[in-house]
Amino acid sequence: MIEGVKIKKLKVVSDDRGFLMEMLRNDDELFERFGQVYLSVCKPNVVKGWHYHKKQVDHFVVVKGNAKVVLYDLRENSSTKGKVEEHFLGEKNPILLKIPTNVLHGITPVGNEPCYLINVPTEKYDYKTPDEFRISHKSKDIPYEWGVEKGG
């Protein structure tokens, strides 16, 4: 596992009305601070990534559909520098994935349906100076092949 990445298995409580799934609580070991909450939808055969943050820690939960999230550790002083990991999140595997700063990440749906991602980052989005740094999903500097043409 890439240093600092954490996974929390989520408990889904179902009854005849539907289900409830807690994602992140302020008393969780994973919780650091609250910045904002947002929903991101990713269309099939598209990669959202690569990107990373210098200040923000992400907490990903896929609430509809299924997705592959790929991580690449580019931190100079990390014991896992250069490591690539794939994580599968979604209806088939309800987990929260904590992504530390300076870890490249990208997401693509698994299958032919969009995936709906909820993120609870530790920082709010700064429109004037965004903490988002992008690298092409086709970059040869990263030892991973998405197998998808569209990215961003």
C-alpha atoms as a PDB file:
ATOM      1  CA  MET A   1       0.000   0.000   0.000  1.00  0.00           C
ATOM      2  CA  ILE A   2       1.270   3.476  -0.837  1.00  0.00           C
ATOM      3  CA  GLU A   3       2.443   5.283   2.294  1.00  0.00           C
ATOM      4  CA  GLY A   4      -0.385   7.355   3.823  1.00  0.00           C
ATOM      5  CA  VAL A   5      -3.161   5.812   1.708  1.00  0.00           C
ATOM      6  CA  LYS A   6      -5.934   4.418   3.891  1.00  0.00           C
ATOM      7  CA  ILE A   7      -9.047   2.384   3.165  1.00  0.00           C
ATOM      8  CA  LYS A   8     -12.161   2.278   5.296  1.00  0.00           C
ATOM      9  CA  LYS A   9     -14.712  -0.432   4.543  1.00  0.00           C
ATOM     10  CA  LEU A  10     -18.138   1.175   4.637  1.00  0.00           C
ATOM     11  CA  LYS A  11     -21.120  -0.360   6.356  1.00  0.00           C
ATOM     12  CA  VAL A  12     -24.289  -0.408   4.303  1.00  0.00           C
ATOM     13  CA  VAL A  13     -27.487  -0.727   6.358  1.00  0.00           C
ATOM     14  CA  SER A  14     -30.397  -1.880   4.188  1.00  0.00           C
ATOM     15  CA  ASP A  15     -34.087  -2.344   4.819  1.00  0.00           C
ATOM     16  CA  ASP A  16     -37.260  -2.370   2.732  1.00  0.00           C
ATOM     17  CA  ARG A  17     -37.070   1.442   2.306  1.00  0.00           C
ATOM     18  CA  GLY A  18     -33.559   1.487   0.809  1.00  0.00           C
ATOM     19  CA  PHE A  19     -30.179   1.841   2.488  1.00  0.00           C
ATOM     20  CA  LEU A  20     -27.947   4.151   4.497  1.00  0.00           C
ATOM     21  CA  MET A  21     -24.157   4.299   4.237  1.00  0.00           C
ATOM     22  CA  GLU A  22     -22.001   6.479   6.490  1.00  0.00           C
ATOM     23  CA  MET A  23     -18.909   7.650   4.651  1.00  0.00           C
ATOM     24  CA  LEU A  24     -16.793   9.866   6.914  1.00  0.00           C
ATOM     25  CA  ARG A  25     -17.265  11.005  10.495  1.00  0.00           C
ATOM     26  CA  ASN A  26     -15.276  13.541  12.483  1.00  0.00           C
ATOM     27  CA  ASP A  27     -14.405  10.801  14.994  1.00  0.00           C
ATOM     28  CA  ASP A  28     -12.923   8.492  12.300  1.00  0.00           C
ATOM     29  CA  GLU A  29      -9.210   7.738  12.464  1.00  0.00           C
ATOM     30  CA  LEU A  30      -9.026   8.886   8.816  1.00  0.00           C
ATOM     31  CA  PHE A  31     -10.572  12.307   9.437  1.00  0.00           C
ATOM     32  CA  GLU A  32      -8.232  15.322   9.498  1.00  0.00           C
ATOM     33  CA  ARG A  33     -10.396  18.348   8.744  1.00  0.00           C
ATOM     34  CA  PHE A  34     -13.287  19.459   6.568  1.00  0.00           C
ATOM     35  CA  GLY A  35     -12.871  21.645   3.496  1.00  0.00           C
ATOM     36  CA  GLN A  36     -15.952  20.929   1.396  1.00  0.00           C
ATOM     37  CA  VAL A  37     -17.986  18.098  -0.149  1.00  0.00           C
ATOM     38  CA  TYR A  38     -18.540  17.686  -3.865  1.00  0.00           C
ATOM     39  CA  LEU A  39     -19.954  15.256  -6.412  1.00  0.00           C
ATOM     40  CA  SER A  40     -18.021  14.407  -9.571  1.00  0.00           C
ATOM     41  CA  VAL A  41     -19.467  12.268 -12.355  1.00  0.00           C
ATOM     42  CA  CYS A  42     -17.132  10.422 -14.720  1.00  0.00           C
ATOM     43  CA  LYS A  43     -18.390   9.136 -18.055  1.00  0.00           C
ATOM     44  CA  PRO A  44     -17.463   5.675 -19.408  1.00  0.00           C
ATOM     45  CA  ASN A  45     -14.222   5.401 -21.384  1.00  0.00           C
ATOM     46  CA  VAL A  46     -12.897   8.657 -19.895  1.00  0.00           C
ATOM     47  CA  VAL A  47     -10.107   9.173 -17.370  1.00  0.00           C
ATOM     48  CA  LYS A  48     -10.283  12.059 -14.924  1.00  0.00           C
ATOM     49  CA  GLY A  49      -6.605  12.448 -14.154  1.00  0.00           C
ATOM     50  CA  TRP A  50      -3.775  12.485 -13.594  1.00  0.00           C
ATOM     51  CA  HIS A  51      -3.721  15.190 -10.945  1.00  0.00           C
ATOM     52  CA  TYR A  52      -2.438  15.788  -7.427  1.00  0.00           C
ATOM     53  CA  HIS A  53      -2.640  18.315  -4.622  1.00  0.00           C
ATOM     54  CA  LYS A  54       0.082  19.904  -2.495  1.00  0.00           C
ATOM     55  CA  LYS A  55      -2.201  20.855   0.452  1.00  0.00           C
ATOM     56  CA  GLN A  56      -5.403  18.864   0.036  1.00  0.00           C
ATOM     57  CA  VAL A  57      -6.058  15.305   1.185  1.00  0.00           C
ATOM     58  CA  ASP A  58      -8.927  13.612  -0.680  1.00  0.00           C
ATOM     59  CA  HIS A  59     -11.491  11.144   0.687  1.00  0.00           C
ATOM     60  CA  PHE A  60     -13.156   9.321  -2.247  1.00  0.00           C
ATOM     61  CA  VAL A  61     -16.379   7.307  -2.100  1.00  0.00           C
ATOM     62  CA  VAL A  62     -18.092   6.092  -5.282  1.00  0.00           C
ATOM     63  CA  VAL A  63     -21.818   6.106  -4.498  1.00  0.00           C
ATOM     64  CA  LYS A  64     -23.216   5.045  -7.871  1.00  0.00           C
ATOM     65  CA  GLY A  65     -21.630   2.739 -10.401  1.00  0.00           C
ATOM     66  CA  ASN A  66     -18.155   1.297 -10.039  1.00  0.00           C
ATOM     67  CA  ALA A  67     -14.768   2.866 -10.649  1.00  0.00           C
ATOM     68  CA  LYS A  68     -11.082   2.205 -10.840  1.00  0.00           C
ATOM     69  CA  VAL A  69      -8.951   4.754  -8.989  1.00  0.00           C
ATOM     70  CA  VAL A  70      -5.250   4.575  -9.785  1.00  0.00           C
ATOM     71  CA  LEU A  71      -2.609   6.127  -7.538  1.00  0.00           C
ATOM     72  CA  TYR A  72       1.037   6.918  -8.244  1.00  0.00           C
ATOM     73  CA  ASP A  73       3.368   8.039  -5.462  1.00  0.00           C
ATOM     74  CA  LEU A  74       5.598  10.862  -6.684  1.00  0.00           C
ATOM     75  CA  ARG A  75       6.788  12.025  -3.227  1.00  0.00           C
ATOM     76  CA  GLU A  76      10.591  12.203  -3.031  1.00  0.00           C
ATOM     77  CA  ASN A  77      10.842  11.200   0.651  1.00  0.00           C
ATOM     78  CA  SER A  78       8.209   8.448   0.583  1.00  0.00           C
ATOM     79  CA  SER A  79       9.106   4.826   1.244  1.00  0.00           C
ATOM     80  CA  THR A  80       6.734   3.937  -1.617  1.00  0.00           C
ATOM     81  CA  LYS A  81       7.991   6.512  -4.191  1.00  0.00           C
ATOM     82  CA  GLY A  82       7.245   5.286  -7.718  1.00  0.00           C
ATOM     83  CA  LYS A  83       4.642   2.731  -6.625  1.00  0.00           C
ATOM     84  CA  VAL A  84       1.397   2.383  -8.612  1.00  0.00           C
ATOM     85  CA  GLU A  85      -1.822   1.032  -7.082  1.00  0.00           C
ATOM     86  CA  GLU A  86      -5.282   0.284  -8.455  1.00  0.00           C
ATOM     87  CA  HIS A  87      -8.313   0.499  -6.172  1.00  0.00           C
ATOM     88  CA  PHE A  88     -11.838  -0.513  -7.111  1.00  0.00           C
ATOM     89  CA  LEU A  89     -14.614   1.477  -5.425  1.00  0.00           C
ATOM     90  CA  GLY A  90     -18.355   1.553  -5.820  1.00  0.00           C
ATOM     91  CA  GLU A  91     -21.541  -0.385  -5.412  1.00  0.00           C
ATOM     92  CA  LYS A  92     -19.643  -3.685  -5.562  1.00  0.00           C
ATOM     93  CA  ASN A  93     -17.010  -2.502  -3.061  1.00  0.00           C
ATOM     94  CA  PRO A  94     -18.252   0.276  -0.738  1.00  0.00           C
ATOM     95  CA  ILE A  95     -15.080   1.814   0.660  1.00  0.00           C
ATOM     96  CA  LEU A  96     -13.646   5.228   1.428  1.00  0.00           C
ATOM     97  CA  LEU A  97     -10.201   5.814  -0.108  1.00  0.00           C
ATOM     98  CA  LYS A  98      -7.985   8.418   1.577  1.00  0.00           C
ATOM     99  CA  ILE A  99      -5.439   9.925  -0.840  1.00  0.00           C
ATOM    100  CA  PRO A 100      -2.560  11.898   0.705  1.00  0.00           C
ATOM    101  CA  THR A 101      -0.989  15.048  -0.722  1.00  0.00           C
ATOM    102  CA  ASN A 102       1.430  14.679  -3.634  1.00  0.00           C
ATOM    103  CA  VAL A 103       0.011  11.314  -4.687  1.00  0.00           C
ATOM    104  CA  LEU A 104      -1.115  11.396  -8.329  1.00  0.00           C
ATOM    105  CA  HIS A 105      -4.572   9.984  -8.886  1.00  0.00           C
ATOM    106  CA  GLY A 106      -7.082   9.381 -11.602  1.00  0.00           C
ATOM    107  CA  ILE A 107     -10.461   7.718 -11.950  1.00  0.00           C
ATOM    108  CA  THR A 108     -12.373   5.928 -14.693  1.00  0.00           C
ATOM    109  CA  PRO A 109     -15.657   4.000 -14.570  1.00  0.00           C
ATOM    110  CA  VAL A 110     -15.604   0.224 -14.656  1.00  0.00           C
ATOM    111  CA  GLY A 111     -18.158  -0.868 -17.234  1.00  0.00           C
ATOM    112  CA  ASN A 112     -20.462   1.109 -19.491  1.00  0.00           C
ATOM    113  CA  GLU A 113     -22.155   3.313 -16.890  1.00  0.00           C
ATOM    114  CA  PRO A 114     -20.952   6.592 -15.378  1.00  0.00           C
ATOM    115  CA  CYS A 115     -19.610   6.561 -11.842  1.00  0.00           C
ATOM    116  CA  TYR A 116     -20.637   9.097  -9.211  1.00  0.00           C
ATOM    117  CA  LEU A 117     -17.850  10.089  -6.847  1.00  0.00           C
ATOM    118  CA  ILE A 118     -18.307  11.969  -3.570  1.00  0.00           C
ATOM    119  CA  ASN A 119     -15.129  13.649  -2.334  1.00  0.00           C
ATOM    120  CA  VAL A 120     -14.619  15.194   1.107  1.00  0.00           C
ATOM    121  CA  PRO A 121     -11.315  17.045   0.732  1.00  0.00           C
ATOM    122  CA  THR A 122      -9.537  18.662   3.652  1.00  0.00           C
ATOM    123  CA  GLU A 123      -9.433  22.040   1.857  1.00  0.00           C
ATOM    124  CA  LYS A 124     -12.055  24.105   0.082  1.00  0.00           C
ATOM    125  CA  TYR A 125     -11.427  24.881  -3.582  1.00  0.00           C
ATOM    126  CA  ASP A 126      -9.502  28.115  -4.065  1.00  0.00           C
ATOM    127  CA  TYR A 127     -10.679  29.619  -7.368  1.00  0.00           C
ATOM    128  CA  LYS A 128      -7.811  32.161  -7.493  1.00  0.00           C
ATOM    129  CA  THR A 129      -4.961  29.711  -6.827  1.00  0.00           C
ATOM    130  CA  PRO A 130      -6.235  26.138  -7.216  1.00  0.00           C
ATOM    131  CA  ASP A 131      -4.337  23.382  -5.421  1.00  0.00           C
ATOM    132  CA  GLU A 132      -4.583  21.117  -8.438  1.00  0.00           C
ATOM    133  CA  PHE A 133      -1.671  20.074 -10.586  1.00  0.00           C
ATOM    134  CA  ARG A 134      -2.326  18.072 -13.744  1.00  0.00           C
ATOM    135  CA  ILE A 135      -0.326  15.598 -15.782  1.00  0.00           C
ATOM    136  CA  SER A 136      -1.628  13.944 -18.954  1.00  0.00           C
ATOM    137  CA  HIS A 137      -3.159  10.504 -18.443  1.00  0.00           C
ATOM    138  CA  LYS A 138      -0.922   9.416 -21.344  1.00  0.00           C
ATOM    139  CA  SER A 139       2.313  10.617 -19.685  1.00  0.00           C
ATOM    140  CA  LYS A 140       5.217   8.222 -20.295  1.00  0.00           C
ATOM    141  CA  ASP A 141       6.734   9.393 -16.967  1.00  0.00           C
ATOM    142  CA  ILE A 142       4.161   7.328 -15.087  1.00  0.00           C
ATOM    143  CA  PRO A 143       4.400   3.530 -15.455  1.00  0.00           C
ATOM    144  CA  TYR A 144       0.684   2.968 -16.047  1.00  0.00           C
ATOM    145  CA  GLU A 145      -1.427   2.490 -19.156  1.00  0.00           C
ATOM    146  CA  TRP A 146      -5.093   3.459 -18.750  1.00  0.00           C
ATOM    147  CA  GLY A 147      -6.183   1.921 -22.062  1.00  0.00           C
ATOM    148  CA  VAL A 148      -8.556   4.870 -22.521  1.00  0.00           C
ATOM    149  CA  GLU A 149      -8.156   7.640 -25.115  1.00  0.00           C
ATOM    150  CA  LYS A 150     -10.082  10.491 -23.489  1.00  0.00           C
ATOM    151  CA  GLY A 151      -8.712  12.166 -20.398  1.00  0.00           C
ATOM    152  CA  GLY A 152      -8.379  15.405 -18.583  1.00  0.00           C
END
